[in-house]
Amino acid sequence: MEPLLISKAEARRIILHAAGLAHSGQFGYGADAVYRIIDHLGFVQLDTNYVVERAHHHVFAARVPGYQPEWLAELAEEGKIFEYFTSDAGFLPMHDFRFSLPVKGSFAKNGKPLTAAETRLMKEVLDRVEREGPLMVGDFEDDRLEASTGWWDWRPAKVALERLYLEGKLMITRTAKFQKRYDLPMNLIPAETELTEPSAAEFARFVIRRTLGALGISYLKEMAWRARRVKGNLVKQQLEEMVAAGELRIISVEGLKSAALYMLADQDREIELSGEAFILSPFDILNVFRHRLKDFFDFDYQIECFVPAPKRKYGYFSLPVLVGDVFVARMDAKADRKQKVLIVHNLHFEEIQLSAEMISKIVEALKAFVQFNGCRDIIFKRSNRQGYLSSISKAFQ
């Protein structure tokens, strides 16, 4: 079958709708909407960076008007979602739990061989959790033999806890301050949860469907990324079989010379965008694959917190600003929670012409973002387009 040819504009609509950004409230409102987003995307990445509100909360706030961070904790307490490290650390719907088992098995099989002392320590740690209930790293004595040499130089008890977690012998819950608590799976997994491990083919098909559901249109490499923790996975093989069976379509995009692109055969293509503005997290599903931003949105983006300060162009934690299907700016911001002020160090606009209506929508998104971050005021430090910044600033006076 010949690839289906679509325009780049249609591709953007499909991608944004899959991401839940066709319009505000696409998944509804309240805690139920948060669950529907996790269930639809299959995975919402979490991040500990707290310059502005953490990434996972940011993802939901961009999509659910009036989002409250405690809703996420409520879903975890109700056993509807769980935290695990698949492609990255994130929240997943509990009914997908069985598909985390191949990843856990891979960590157990392919992890660094344990010494006798490490094996003994892991058993001791697991025994303590079994006897005492959920524990935090701070509940264990500092068993480090030498001074820490850096951020990732964990003490042995922390290493043991994390390995037990990755292998599936422990699970993680979070305190109100976002600290990890380690607990037994039997205490957190609802009784009705399916625990049968999928076959290699079943796991690969799950990954393919989940990836395409979240991205709308995908290259093989994004699907492979989602399954990357399972060595020797069958994603490529099953992708070919699903195309042959008519479950997937190969598509090509006008003006884009690239590797093969795929989408679900029943993908809805009759999509309208609201034209609203969204301030997005760098770890939003729309932004984690930089090549997709270049290919479909002509937007060259990089989060610069990992870039040495002298080489940063836009700022430490610049947030992409989307209006309709166009990335119009990137905003380097920090929430001063003590003073309740959102400080915008840099609001850098792309080389495009903004209408008065687009600026008005950016203002609406900024006001919601200020409130979401627990702030009352906003301060703008600089911008490359003073005219636009002046119009936006006046709306806050």
Protein backbone atom coordinates (compact mmCIF):
# COMPACT_ATOMS: atom_id res chain seq x y z
CA MET A 1 0.00 0.00 0.00
CA GLU A 2 1.28 3.45 -0.92
CA PRO A 3 2.05 5.79 1.99
CA LEU A 4 -0.75 8.23 2.78
CA LEU A 5 0.37 11.76 1.90
CA ILE A 6 -0.73 14.50 4.30
CA SER A 7 0.19 18.15 4.68
CA LYS A 8 2.43 19.40 7.46
CA ALA A 9 -0.50 21.43 8.82
CA GLU A 10 -2.62 18.27 9.06
CA ALA A 11 0.25 16.43 10.73
CA ARG A 12 0.49 19.19 13.35
CA ARG A 13 -3.24 18.97 14.07
CA ILE A 14 -3.02 15.20 14.56
CA ILE A 15 0.01 15.55 16.82
CA LEU A 16 -1.52 18.31 18.95
CA HIS A 17 -4.81 16.47 19.33
CA ALA A 18 -2.95 13.32 20.40
CA ALA A 19 -1.03 15.38 22.96
CA GLY A 20 -4.26 16.80 24.36
CA LEU A 21 -3.52 20.32 23.15
CA ALA A 22 -6.18 20.82 20.49
CA HIS A 23 -8.05 22.95 23.01
CA SER A 24 -8.07 23.59 26.74
CA GLY A 25 -10.07 21.03 28.68
CA GLN A 26 -9.81 18.45 25.90
CA PHE A 27 -9.96 15.70 28.54
CA GLY A 28 -12.50 17.45 30.74
CA TYR A 29 -12.08 18.94 34.18
CA GLY A 30 -11.14 17.93 37.71
CA ALA A 31 -9.23 14.88 38.96
CA ASP A 32 -11.02 12.64 36.46
CA ALA A 33 -9.47 14.64 33.63
CA VAL A 34 -6.00 14.11 35.11
CA TYR A 35 -6.59 10.37 35.09
CA ARG A 36 -7.91 10.47 31.52
CA ILE A 37 -4.73 12.28 30.40
CA ILE A 38 -2.49 9.66 32.03
CA ASP A 39 -4.63 6.88 30.59
CA HIS A 40 -4.53 8.41 27.12
CA LEU A 41 -0.82 9.24 27.01
CA GLY A 42 0.08 6.02 28.85
CA PHE A 43 2.97 7.78 30.56
CA VAL A 44 3.50 11.27 32.00
CA GLN A 45 7.13 12.04 32.76
CA LEU A 46 7.96 13.47 36.16
CA ASP A 47 10.87 15.72 36.99
CA THR A 48 12.19 17.13 40.25
CA ASN A 49 13.25 20.55 38.90
CA TYR A 50 11.35 23.13 40.95
CA VAL A 51 12.29 26.41 39.24
CA VAL A 52 8.65 26.61 38.28
CA GLU A 53 6.08 24.00 39.38
CA ARG A 54 7.32 20.48 38.68
CA ALA A 55 6.98 19.10 35.16
CA HIS A 56 4.27 16.50 35.81
CA HIS A 57 2.00 19.07 37.45
CA HIS A 58 2.81 21.47 34.61
CA VAL A 59 1.65 18.91 32.04
CA PHE A 60 -1.76 18.67 33.68
CA ALA A 61 -2.11 22.40 34.36
CA ALA A 62 -1.60 23.11 30.67
CA ARG A 63 -4.52 20.82 29.82
CA VAL A 64 -6.92 20.99 32.76
CA PRO A 65 -8.21 24.45 33.74
CA GLY A 66 -8.06 24.94 37.49
CA TYR A 67 -5.75 21.97 38.00
CA GLN A 68 -4.87 21.21 41.63
CA PRO A 69 -1.60 19.30 42.35
CA GLU A 70 -3.24 17.24 45.09
CA TRP A 71 -5.39 15.51 42.46
CA LEU A 72 -2.37 13.52 41.31
CA ALA A 73 -1.69 12.27 44.85
CA GLU A 74 -5.35 11.32 45.21
CA LEU A 75 -5.19 9.18 42.07
CA ALA A 76 -2.11 7.38 43.42
CA GLU A 77 -3.76 6.82 46.81
CA GLU A 78 -6.84 5.40 45.07
CA GLY A 79 -4.66 2.91 43.18
CA LYS A 80 -5.55 4.32 39.77
CA ILE A 81 -1.98 5.24 38.82
CA PHE A 82 1.53 4.19 39.82
CA GLU A 83 5.04 5.54 39.42
CA TYR A 84 7.72 3.64 37.55
CA PHE A 85 10.82 4.07 35.42
CA THR A 86 10.07 2.87 31.88
CA SER A 87 11.73 5.07 29.25
CA ASP A 88 12.01 7.65 32.04
CA ALA A 89 10.47 8.11 35.49
CA GLY A 90 6.77 8.89 35.31
CA PHE A 91 3.17 8.09 36.17
CA LEU A 92 1.28 5.28 34.42
CA PRO A 93 -2.30 3.98 34.62
CA MET A 94 -2.55 1.03 37.01
CA HIS A 95 -4.33 -1.14 34.44
CA ASP A 96 -1.08 -1.06 32.41
CA PHE A 97 0.87 -2.50 35.35
CA ARG A 98 1.52 -5.87 33.71
CA PHE A 99 3.36 -4.11 30.87
CA SER A 100 5.90 -2.78 33.36
CA LEU A 101 6.92 -6.37 34.19
CA PRO A 102 9.19 -6.90 31.15
CA VAL A 103 11.04 -3.70 32.06
CA LYS A 104 11.49 -4.85 35.65
CA GLY A 105 12.68 -8.23 34.45
CA SER A 106 15.18 -6.55 32.15
CA PHE A 107 16.58 -4.45 34.99
CA ALA A 108 16.94 -7.59 37.13
CA LYS A 109 18.60 -9.57 34.34
CA ASN A 110 20.85 -6.89 32.89
CA GLY A 111 21.80 -4.87 35.96
CA LYS A 112 25.34 -4.72 37.27
CA PRO A 113 26.25 -8.04 38.95
CA LEU A 114 25.89 -7.82 42.71
CA THR A 115 28.59 -8.56 45.25
CA ALA A 116 27.77 -10.72 48.24
CA ALA A 117 27.65 -7.59 50.41
CA GLU A 118 25.23 -5.85 48.02
CA THR A 119 22.98 -8.90 47.88
CA ARG A 120 22.95 -9.03 51.67
CA LEU A 121 22.17 -5.31 51.94
CA MET A 122 19.27 -5.57 49.50
CA LYS A 123 17.80 -8.43 51.53
CA GLU A 124 18.19 -6.42 54.73
CA VAL A 125 16.52 -3.38 53.17
CA LEU A 126 13.62 -5.46 51.82
CA ASP A 127 13.22 -7.18 55.20
CA ARG A 128 12.94 -3.81 56.94
CA VAL A 129 10.23 -2.59 54.56
CA GLU A 130 8.33 -5.86 55.08
CA ARG A 131 8.53 -5.49 58.87
CA GLU A 132 8.15 -1.74 59.32
CA GLY A 133 6.08 -0.61 56.33
CA PRO A 134 6.90 2.25 53.90
CA LEU A 135 10.37 3.72 54.45
CA MET A 136 12.37 6.66 53.10
CA VAL A 137 16.11 6.91 52.50
CA GLY A 138 16.36 8.97 55.68
CA ASP A 139 15.08 6.01 57.69
CA PHE A 140 18.36 4.21 57.01
CA GLU A 141 21.64 5.07 58.67
CA ASP A 142 24.22 6.81 56.50
CA ASP A 143 26.19 3.74 55.48
CA ARG A 144 28.57 5.58 53.15
CA LEU A 145 32.19 4.58 53.74
CA GLU A 146 33.66 7.60 51.95
CA ALA A 147 32.54 11.20 51.47
CA SER A 148 30.18 11.82 48.55
CA THR A 149 31.86 12.77 45.29
CA GLY A 150 28.80 14.28 43.60
CA TRP A 151 25.07 14.36 42.92
CA TRP A 152 24.76 10.75 41.74
CA ASP A 153 27.15 9.29 44.32
CA TRP A 154 24.41 7.57 46.32
CA ARG A 155 25.06 5.82 49.60
CA PRO A 156 24.62 2.01 49.56
CA ALA A 157 21.17 1.96 51.18
CA LYS A 158 19.86 4.37 48.52
CA VAL A 159 21.37 2.21 45.76
CA ALA A 160 19.71 -0.87 47.27
CA LEU A 161 16.31 0.84 47.50
CA GLU A 162 16.48 2.06 43.90
CA ARG A 163 17.56 -1.32 42.57
CA LEU A 164 14.75 -3.05 44.45
CA TYR A 165 12.38 -0.49 42.95
CA LEU A 166 13.65 -0.92 39.39
CA GLU A 167 13.44 -4.71 39.69
CA GLY A 168 9.85 -4.46 40.91
CA LYS A 169 10.39 -5.71 44.48
CA LEU A 170 9.49 -2.28 45.85
CA MET A 171 7.26 0.52 44.60
CA ILE A 172 7.35 4.25 45.18
CA THR A 173 4.82 6.63 46.67
CA ARG A 174 5.45 10.32 47.40
CA THR A 175 5.15 12.55 50.44
CA ALA A 176 3.54 16.00 50.22
CA LYS A 177 7.08 17.37 49.77
CA PHE A 178 7.69 14.97 46.86
CA GLN A 179 10.08 12.72 48.81
CA LYS A 180 10.12 9.05 47.89
CA ARG A 181 8.64 6.38 50.14
CA TYR A 182 9.42 2.76 49.31
CA ASP A 183 6.70 0.18 49.89
CA LEU A 184 5.81 -3.39 48.96
CA PRO A 185 3.84 -3.85 45.73
CA MET A 186 1.23 -5.91 47.58
CA ASN A 187 0.35 -2.81 49.61
CA LEU A 188 -0.21 -0.59 46.58
CA ILE A 189 -1.56 -2.74 43.74
CA PRO A 190 -5.35 -3.18 43.77
CA ALA A 191 -6.46 -6.82 44.00
CA GLU A 192 -8.19 -6.75 40.61
CA THR A 193 -5.02 -5.68 38.76
CA GLU A 194 -3.89 -8.06 36.01
CA LEU A 195 -0.38 -9.33 36.83
CA THR A 196 0.26 -11.75 33.96
CA GLU A 197 3.48 -10.82 32.19
CA PRO A 198 2.90 -10.15 28.46
CA SER A 199 4.73 -12.06 25.77
CA ALA A 200 7.49 -10.25 23.87
CA ALA A 201 5.14 -9.69 20.91
CA GLU A 202 2.33 -8.47 23.15
CA PHE A 203 4.67 -6.03 24.90
CA ALA A 204 5.93 -4.68 21.59
CA ARG A 205 2.40 -4.13 20.26
CA PHE A 206 1.45 -2.40 23.49
CA VAL A 207 4.39 -0.01 23.13
CA ILE A 208 3.52 0.72 19.50
CA ARG A 209 -0.13 1.49 20.23
CA ARG A 210 0.71 3.55 23.30
CA THR A 211 3.31 5.58 21.44
CA LEU A 212 1.05 6.30 18.49
CA GLY A 213 -1.85 7.14 20.78
CA ALA A 214 0.26 9.75 22.55
CA LEU A 215 2.15 11.13 19.56
CA GLY A 216 -0.44 10.74 16.79
CA ILE A 217 2.32 10.32 14.21
CA SER A 218 5.58 8.60 15.01
CA TYR A 219 8.88 7.40 13.68
CA LEU A 220 10.15 3.96 14.66
CA LYS A 221 12.78 5.58 16.88
CA GLU A 222 10.20 7.06 19.27
CA MET A 223 8.57 3.64 19.68
CA ALA A 224 11.98 2.07 20.22
CA TRP A 225 12.73 4.76 22.82
CA ARG A 226 9.65 3.80 24.80
CA ALA A 227 10.77 0.17 24.84
CA ARG A 228 14.48 0.85 25.22
CA ARG A 229 14.81 -0.66 28.70
CA VAL A 230 13.87 -4.11 27.33
CA LYS A 231 16.81 -5.44 25.35
CA GLY A 232 16.00 -7.43 22.23
CA ASN A 233 12.42 -6.11 22.12
CA LEU A 234 10.31 -6.91 19.06
CA VAL A 235 9.04 -3.41 18.28
CA LYS A 236 10.47 -3.28 14.75
CA GLN A 237 9.20 -6.74 13.86
CA GLN A 238 5.73 -6.18 15.27
CA LEU A 239 5.51 -2.77 13.61
CA GLU A 240 5.96 -4.41 10.22
CA GLU A 241 3.36 -7.07 11.03
CA MET A 242 0.84 -4.47 12.18
CA VAL A 243 1.30 -2.51 8.96
CA ALA A 244 0.82 -5.69 6.91
CA ALA A 245 -2.36 -6.47 8.88
CA GLY A 246 -3.78 -2.99 8.22
CA GLU A 247 -3.67 -1.91 11.88
CA LEU A 248 -1.24 0.90 11.08
CA ARG A 249 -0.75 3.28 8.16
CA ILE A 250 2.55 4.43 6.75
CA ILE A 251 2.35 8.13 5.96
CA SER A 252 4.50 10.79 4.37
CA VAL A 253 4.32 14.51 5.01
CA GLU A 254 4.51 17.12 2.27
CA GLY A 255 7.85 18.90 2.25
CA LEU A 256 9.42 16.52 4.76
CA LYS A 257 12.12 14.12 3.68
CA SER A 258 12.39 11.63 6.49
CA ALA A 259 12.31 8.02 7.58
CA ALA A 260 8.95 6.25 7.45
CA LEU A 261 6.19 7.69 9.62
CA TYR A 262 3.33 5.71 11.13
CA MET A 263 -0.09 6.32 12.57
CA LEU A 264 -2.98 4.15 13.74
CA ALA A 265 -5.26 3.08 10.90
CA ASP A 266 -8.30 4.52 12.67
CA GLN A 267 -6.63 7.83 13.52
CA ASP A 268 -9.14 10.70 13.45
CA ARG A 269 -8.06 13.30 10.88
CA GLU A 270 -11.00 15.69 11.21
CA ILE A 271 -9.43 17.88 13.86
CA GLU A 272 -9.88 21.56 14.64
CA LEU A 273 -7.60 23.60 16.88
CA SER A 274 -8.89 26.31 19.19
CA GLY A 275 -5.96 28.67 18.62
CA GLU A 276 -5.39 28.97 22.38
CA ALA A 277 -1.99 29.62 23.92
CA PHE A 278 -0.23 26.96 26.00
CA ILE A 279 2.87 27.46 28.14
CA LEU A 280 4.49 24.03 28.15
CA SER A 281 6.99 22.13 30.23
CA PRO A 282 10.27 21.11 28.58
CA PHE A 283 9.32 17.55 29.61
CA ASP A 284 5.88 17.68 28.00
CA ILE A 285 5.21 14.81 25.60
CA LEU A 286 5.14 17.37 22.79
CA ASN A 287 8.68 18.56 23.53
CA VAL A 288 10.77 15.59 24.63
CA PHE A 289 11.75 14.61 21.07
CA ARG A 290 13.57 17.64 19.64
CA HIS A 291 13.66 16.24 16.11
CA ARG A 292 9.85 16.21 15.99
CA LEU A 293 9.70 19.89 16.88
CA LYS A 294 12.05 20.64 14.00
CA ASP A 295 10.33 18.33 11.53
CA PHE A 296 6.71 19.28 12.14
CA PHE A 297 6.81 22.71 13.80
CA ASP A 298 10.05 24.23 12.44
CA PHE A 299 10.98 24.93 16.06
CA ASP A 300 14.58 24.40 17.16
CA TYR A 301 14.33 23.83 20.90
CA GLN A 302 16.66 22.71 23.64
CA ILE A 303 16.24 22.85 27.39
CA GLU A 304 19.31 24.73 28.58
CA CYS A 305 19.53 23.68 32.24
CA PHE A 306 21.90 20.98 30.94
CA VAL A 307 23.94 23.54 28.95
CA PRO A 308 26.89 25.37 30.58
CA ALA A 309 25.78 28.89 31.59
CA PRO A 310 28.08 30.76 29.15
CA LYS A 311 26.60 28.81 26.22
CA ARG A 312 22.91 29.38 27.03
CA LYS A 313 21.00 31.41 24.45
CA TYR A 314 17.58 31.71 26.07
CA GLY A 315 17.94 30.85 29.76
CA TYR A 316 18.25 28.08 32.31
CA PHE A 317 14.69 26.70 32.10
CA SER A 318 13.00 28.13 29.03
CA LEU A 319 9.40 27.04 28.47
CA PRO A 320 7.98 26.68 24.94
CA VAL A 321 4.96 28.89 24.25
CA LEU A 322 2.50 27.49 21.71
CA VAL A 323 -0.36 29.39 20.07
CA GLY A 324 -2.58 27.23 17.88
CA ASP A 325 -0.08 25.11 15.98
CA VAL A 326 2.82 27.58 16.10
CA PHE A 327 5.56 27.89 18.70
CA VAL A 328 5.72 31.67 19.12
CA ALA A 329 8.16 32.09 22.02
CA ARG A 330 10.21 30.53 24.76
CA MET A 331 10.03 31.88 28.29
CA ASP A 332 12.77 31.52 30.89
CA ALA A 333 10.92 31.87 34.19
CA LYS A 334 11.37 31.26 37.91
CA ALA A 335 8.74 31.23 40.63
CA ASP A 336 9.78 33.25 43.70
CA ARG A 337 7.45 31.46 46.06
CA LYS A 338 8.41 33.51 49.09
CA GLN A 339 7.51 36.80 47.41
CA LYS A 340 4.77 35.13 45.32
CA VAL A 341 6.18 36.59 42.12
CA LEU A 342 6.77 34.86 38.79
CA ILE A 343 10.02 36.29 37.43
CA VAL A 344 10.34 36.10 33.65
CA HIS A 345 14.04 36.49 33.02
CA ASN A 346 13.64 36.32 29.27
CA LEU A 347 10.61 36.20 26.96
CA HIS A 348 12.15 35.45 23.60
CA PHE A 349 9.83 35.58 20.59
CA GLU A 350 10.36 33.62 17.40
CA GLU A 351 10.70 35.44 14.09
CA ILE A 352 6.97 35.54 13.38
CA GLN A 353 4.30 38.22 13.34
CA LEU A 354 1.87 38.09 16.24
CA SER A 355 -1.66 39.45 15.95
CA ALA A 356 -3.40 41.32 18.76
CA GLU A 357 -5.57 38.24 19.31
CA MET A 358 -2.52 35.99 19.68
CA ILE A 359 -0.98 38.37 22.22
CA SER A 360 -4.27 38.39 24.12
CA LYS A 361 -4.20 34.58 24.27
CA ILE A 362 -0.62 34.63 25.52
CA VAL A 363 -1.71 37.01 28.28
CA GLU A 364 -4.51 34.60 29.28
CA ALA A 365 -2.04 31.71 29.46
CA LEU A 366 0.41 33.81 31.49
CA LYS A 367 -2.25 34.77 34.02
CA ALA A 368 -3.20 31.12 34.49
CA PHE A 369 0.49 30.19 34.78
CA VAL A 370 1.11 32.80 37.47
CA GLN A 371 -1.77 31.41 39.51
CA PHE A 372 -0.72 27.80 38.93
CA ASN A 373 2.71 28.60 40.37
CA GLY A 374 1.18 30.04 43.53
CA CYS A 375 2.14 33.59 42.60
CA ARG A 376 0.21 36.85 42.60
CA ASP A 377 2.42 39.05 40.43
CA ILE A 378 4.70 38.79 37.43
CA ILE A 379 7.90 40.65 36.58
CA PHE A 380 9.38 40.78 33.09
CA LYS A 381 13.14 41.30 32.88
CA ARG A 382 13.89 41.33 29.16
CA SER A 383 12.74 40.36 25.69
CA ASN A 384 13.98 40.50 22.13
CA ARG A 385 10.70 42.14 21.00
CA GLN A 386 9.96 45.15 23.21
CA GLY A 387 6.76 45.97 21.37
CA TYR A 388 5.21 42.61 22.16
CA LEU A 389 6.53 42.69 25.73
CA SER A 390 5.03 46.16 26.27
CA SER A 391 1.59 44.97 25.10
CA ILE A 392 1.77 41.95 27.40
CA SER A 393 3.06 43.96 30.38
CA LYS A 394 0.19 46.44 30.14
CA ALA A 395 -2.30 43.62 30.67
CA PHE A 396 -0.81 43.04 34.14
CA GLN A 397 -0.89 46.67 35.28
